[in-house]
Amino acid sequence: MIEFLFKDPLRFFEYALYRVPAVLIAMVLHECAHGYVAYRLGDPTAKRAGRLTLNPLRHLDPVGALMMFFLG
């Protein structure tokens, strides 16, 4: 992914324009579902942490997001 950035930067950003929103939506729904199932099974950790929401800011880790973006 990194070499793609240096070989053809314009194409990399065009690719990222489609990839970032798709990954963000999928990640938020996935993590919210994890928290909901855990809550239903008796683990209130996600609810106490405020992660039973579709707000992406509650689910994002800046370093993890950059790693996923650049390293896939």
N, C-alpha and C. Protein backbone atom coordinates (compact mmCIF):
# COMPACT_ATOMS: atom_id res chain seq x y z
N MET A 1 0.83 -1.19 0.00
CA MET A 1 0.00 0.00 0.00
C MET A 1 0.88 1.26 0.00
N ILE A 2 1.94 1.24 0.79
CA ILE A 2 2.84 2.41 0.86
C ILE A 2 3.51 2.64 -0.50
N GLU A 3 3.96 1.57 -1.15
CA GLU A 3 4.64 1.75 -2.44
C GLU A 3 3.66 2.29 -3.50
N PHE A 4 2.38 1.95 -3.36
CA PHE A 4 1.35 2.47 -4.25
C PHE A 4 1.25 3.99 -4.11
N LEU A 5 1.43 4.49 -2.89
CA LEU A 5 1.39 5.93 -2.63
C LEU A 5 2.52 6.65 -3.38
N PHE A 6 3.69 6.07 -3.37
CA PHE A 6 4.84 6.73 -4.00
C PHE A 6 4.88 6.56 -5.51
N LYS A 7 4.33 5.46 -6.02
CA LYS A 7 4.34 5.23 -7.46
C LYS A 7 3.33 6.11 -8.18
N ASP A 8 2.12 6.20 -7.64
CA ASP A 8 1.05 6.95 -8.29
C ASP A 8 0.17 7.61 -7.22
N PRO A 9 0.60 8.76 -6.69
CA PRO A 9 -0.10 9.40 -5.59
C PRO A 9 -1.56 9.75 -5.90
N LEU A 10 -1.83 10.19 -7.10
CA LEU A 10 -3.20 10.57 -7.45
C LEU A 10 -4.13 9.36 -7.42
N ARG A 11 -3.66 8.27 -7.95
CA ARG A 11 -4.47 7.05 -7.94
C ARG A 11 -4.63 6.53 -6.51
N PHE A 12 -3.62 6.67 -5.69
CA PHE A 12 -3.71 6.25 -4.28
C PHE A 12 -4.81 7.03 -3.57
N PHE A 13 -4.87 8.33 -3.75
CA PHE A 13 -5.89 9.13 -3.07
C PHE A 13 -7.29 8.88 -3.65
N GLU A 14 -7.35 8.57 -4.94
CA GLU A 14 -8.63 8.20 -5.53
C GLU A 14 -9.12 6.88 -4.92
N TYR A 15 -8.23 5.94 -4.76
CA TYR A 15 -8.54 4.66 -4.13
C TYR A 15 -8.96 4.86 -2.68
N ALA A 16 -8.26 5.73 -1.98
CA ALA A 16 -8.57 6.00 -0.57
C ALA A 16 -9.92 6.69 -0.42
N LEU A 17 -10.31 7.49 -1.39
CA LEU A 17 -11.59 8.18 -1.35
C LEU A 17 -12.75 7.20 -1.24
N TYR A 18 -12.62 6.04 -1.85
CA TYR A 18 -13.65 5.01 -1.77
C TYR A 18 -13.44 4.07 -0.59
N ARG A 19 -12.22 3.81 -0.27
CA ARG A 19 -11.91 2.82 0.77
C ARG A 19 -12.21 3.32 2.18
N VAL A 20 -11.85 4.54 2.49
CA VAL A 20 -11.99 5.06 3.85
C VAL A 20 -13.44 5.05 4.34
N PRO A 21 -14.40 5.58 3.60
CA PRO A 21 -15.78 5.53 4.10
C PRO A 21 -16.31 4.10 4.25
N ALA A 22 -15.96 3.22 3.32
CA ALA A 22 -16.44 1.84 3.39
C ALA A 22 -15.89 1.13 4.63
N VAL A 23 -14.61 1.28 4.88
CA VAL A 23 -13.98 0.65 6.04
C VAL A 23 -14.52 1.26 7.33
N LEU A 24 -14.72 2.54 7.35
CA LEU A 24 -15.23 3.22 8.54
C LEU A 24 -16.63 2.71 8.90
N ILE A 25 -17.51 2.63 7.92
CA ILE A 25 -18.87 2.14 8.17
C ILE A 25 -18.84 0.68 8.63
N ALA A 26 -18.08 -0.15 7.95
CA ALA A 26 -17.99 -1.56 8.32
C ALA A 26 -17.42 -1.74 9.71
N MET A 27 -16.38 -0.98 10.05
CA MET A 27 -15.75 -1.12 11.35
C MET A 27 -16.69 -0.70 12.48
N VAL A 28 -17.40 0.39 12.29
CA VAL A 28 -18.32 0.88 13.32
C VAL A 28 -19.45 -0.13 13.55
N LEU A 29 -20.04 -0.62 12.47
CA LEU A 29 -21.11 -1.61 12.62
C LEU A 29 -20.60 -2.89 13.27
N HIS A 30 -19.42 -3.32 12.89
CA HIS A 30 -18.82 -4.54 13.45
C HIS A 30 -18.57 -4.40 14.94
N GLU A 31 -17.95 -3.31 15.34
CA GLU A 31 -17.63 -3.12 16.76
C GLU A 31 -18.88 -2.88 17.61
N CYS A 32 -19.85 -2.18 17.05
CA CYS A 32 -21.11 -1.97 17.77
C CYS A 32 -21.82 -3.30 17.98
N ALA A 33 -21.79 -4.16 16.97
CA ALA A 33 -22.40 -5.48 17.10
C ALA A 33 -21.69 -6.32 18.15
N HIS A 34 -20.36 -6.24 18.19
CA HIS A 34 -19.61 -6.95 19.24
C HIS A 34 -20.06 -6.49 20.62
N GLY A 35 -20.14 -5.20 20.80
CA GLY A 35 -20.54 -4.65 22.10
C GLY A 35 -21.95 -5.04 22.47
N TYR A 36 -22.86 -5.02 21.51
CA TYR A 36 -24.26 -5.37 21.78
C TYR A 36 -24.40 -6.83 22.19
N VAL A 37 -23.72 -7.72 21.46
CA VAL A 37 -23.79 -9.14 21.80
C VAL A 37 -23.19 -9.39 23.18
N ALA A 38 -22.07 -8.77 23.46
CA ALA A 38 -21.45 -8.93 24.78
C ALA A 38 -22.39 -8.42 25.87
N TYR A 39 -23.04 -7.29 25.63
CA TYR A 39 -23.98 -6.73 26.61
C TYR A 39 -25.15 -7.69 26.83
N ARG A 40 -25.68 -8.24 25.75
CA ARG A 40 -26.81 -9.17 25.86
C ARG A 40 -26.40 -10.45 26.59
N LEU A 41 -25.12 -10.80 26.53
CA LEU A 41 -24.64 -11.99 27.22
C LEU A 41 -24.15 -11.70 28.63
N GLY A 42 -24.34 -10.46 29.08
CA GLY A 42 -24.05 -10.13 30.47
C GLY A 42 -22.79 -9.34 30.74
N ASP A 43 -22.08 -8.91 29.72
CA ASP A 43 -20.86 -8.13 29.91
C ASP A 43 -21.14 -6.65 29.62
N PRO A 44 -21.22 -5.82 30.65
CA PRO A 44 -21.58 -4.41 30.44
C PRO A 44 -20.40 -3.50 30.08
N THR A 45 -19.24 -4.05 29.79
CA THR A 45 -18.05 -3.24 29.53
C THR A 45 -18.25 -2.26 28.37
N ALA A 46 -18.77 -2.73 27.26
CA ALA A 46 -18.96 -1.85 26.09
C ALA A 46 -19.98 -0.75 26.39
N LYS A 47 -21.01 -1.09 27.12
CA LYS A 47 -22.03 -0.09 27.47
C LYS A 47 -21.42 0.98 28.38
N ARG A 48 -20.63 0.56 29.35
CA ARG A 48 -20.00 1.52 30.26
C ARG A 48 -18.98 2.40 29.54
N ALA A 49 -18.34 1.86 28.51
CA ALA A 49 -17.34 2.62 27.75
C ALA A 49 -18.00 3.51 26.69
N GLY A 50 -19.32 3.39 26.52
CA GLY A 50 -20.03 4.22 25.55
C GLY A 50 -19.88 3.75 24.12
N ARG A 51 -19.65 2.46 23.93
CA ARG A 51 -19.42 1.94 22.59
C ARG A 51 -20.62 1.25 21.98
N LEU A 52 -21.77 1.38 22.58
CA LEU A 52 -23.00 0.86 21.97
C LEU A 52 -23.67 1.99 21.19
N THR A 53 -22.92 2.57 20.30
CA THR A 53 -23.37 3.69 19.51
C THR A 53 -22.82 3.56 18.09
N LEU A 54 -23.44 4.25 17.16
CA LEU A 54 -22.94 4.26 15.78
C LEU A 54 -22.04 5.46 15.51
N ASN A 55 -21.67 6.18 16.57
CA ASN A 55 -20.75 7.30 16.45
C ASN A 55 -19.34 6.77 16.21
N PRO A 56 -18.76 7.02 15.04
CA PRO A 56 -17.45 6.46 14.73
C PRO A 56 -16.34 6.95 15.66
N LEU A 57 -16.48 8.12 16.22
CA LEU A 57 -15.42 8.64 17.10
C LEU A 57 -15.26 7.81 18.36
N ARG A 58 -16.32 7.13 18.78
CA ARG A 58 -16.24 6.29 19.97
C ARG A 58 -15.51 4.98 19.70
N HIS A 59 -15.37 4.62 18.42
CA HIS A 59 -14.77 3.34 18.06
C HIS A 59 -13.38 3.47 17.46
N LEU A 60 -12.98 4.67 17.09
CA LEU A 60 -11.71 4.86 16.39
C LEU A 60 -10.53 4.99 17.34
N ASP A 61 -9.48 4.32 16.97
CA ASP A 61 -8.18 4.48 17.61
C ASP A 61 -7.28 5.09 16.54
N PRO A 62 -6.73 6.29 16.77
CA PRO A 62 -5.97 6.96 15.70
C PRO A 62 -4.82 6.13 15.13
N VAL A 63 -4.04 5.49 15.97
CA VAL A 63 -2.90 4.71 15.49
C VAL A 63 -3.40 3.49 14.72
N GLY A 64 -4.42 2.81 15.25
CA GLY A 64 -4.97 1.65 14.56
C GLY A 64 -5.58 2.01 13.23
N ALA A 65 -6.23 3.16 13.15
CA ALA A 65 -6.83 3.60 11.89
C ALA A 65 -5.75 3.88 10.85
N LEU A 66 -4.67 4.50 11.24
CA LEU A 66 -3.57 4.76 10.30
C LEU A 66 -2.91 3.47 9.84
N MET A 67 -2.76 2.51 10.75
CA MET A 67 -2.17 1.23 10.39
C MET A 67 -3.05 0.50 9.38
N MET A 68 -4.36 0.51 9.62
CA MET A 68 -5.27 -0.15 8.68
C MET A 68 -5.24 0.55 7.32
N PHE A 69 -5.16 1.86 7.32
CA PHE A 69 -5.17 2.61 6.08
C PHE A 69 -3.91 2.37 5.25
N PHE A 70 -2.75 2.43 5.88
CA PHE A 70 -1.50 2.33 5.14
C PHE A 70 -1.02 0.89 4.95
N LEU A 71 -1.32 0.01 5.89
CA LEU A 71 -0.81 -1.35 5.79
C LEU A 71 -1.88 -2.36 5.38
N GLY A 72 -3.12 -1.93 5.35
CA GLY A 72 -4.19 -2.83 4.94
C GLY A 72 -4.53 -3.72 6.07
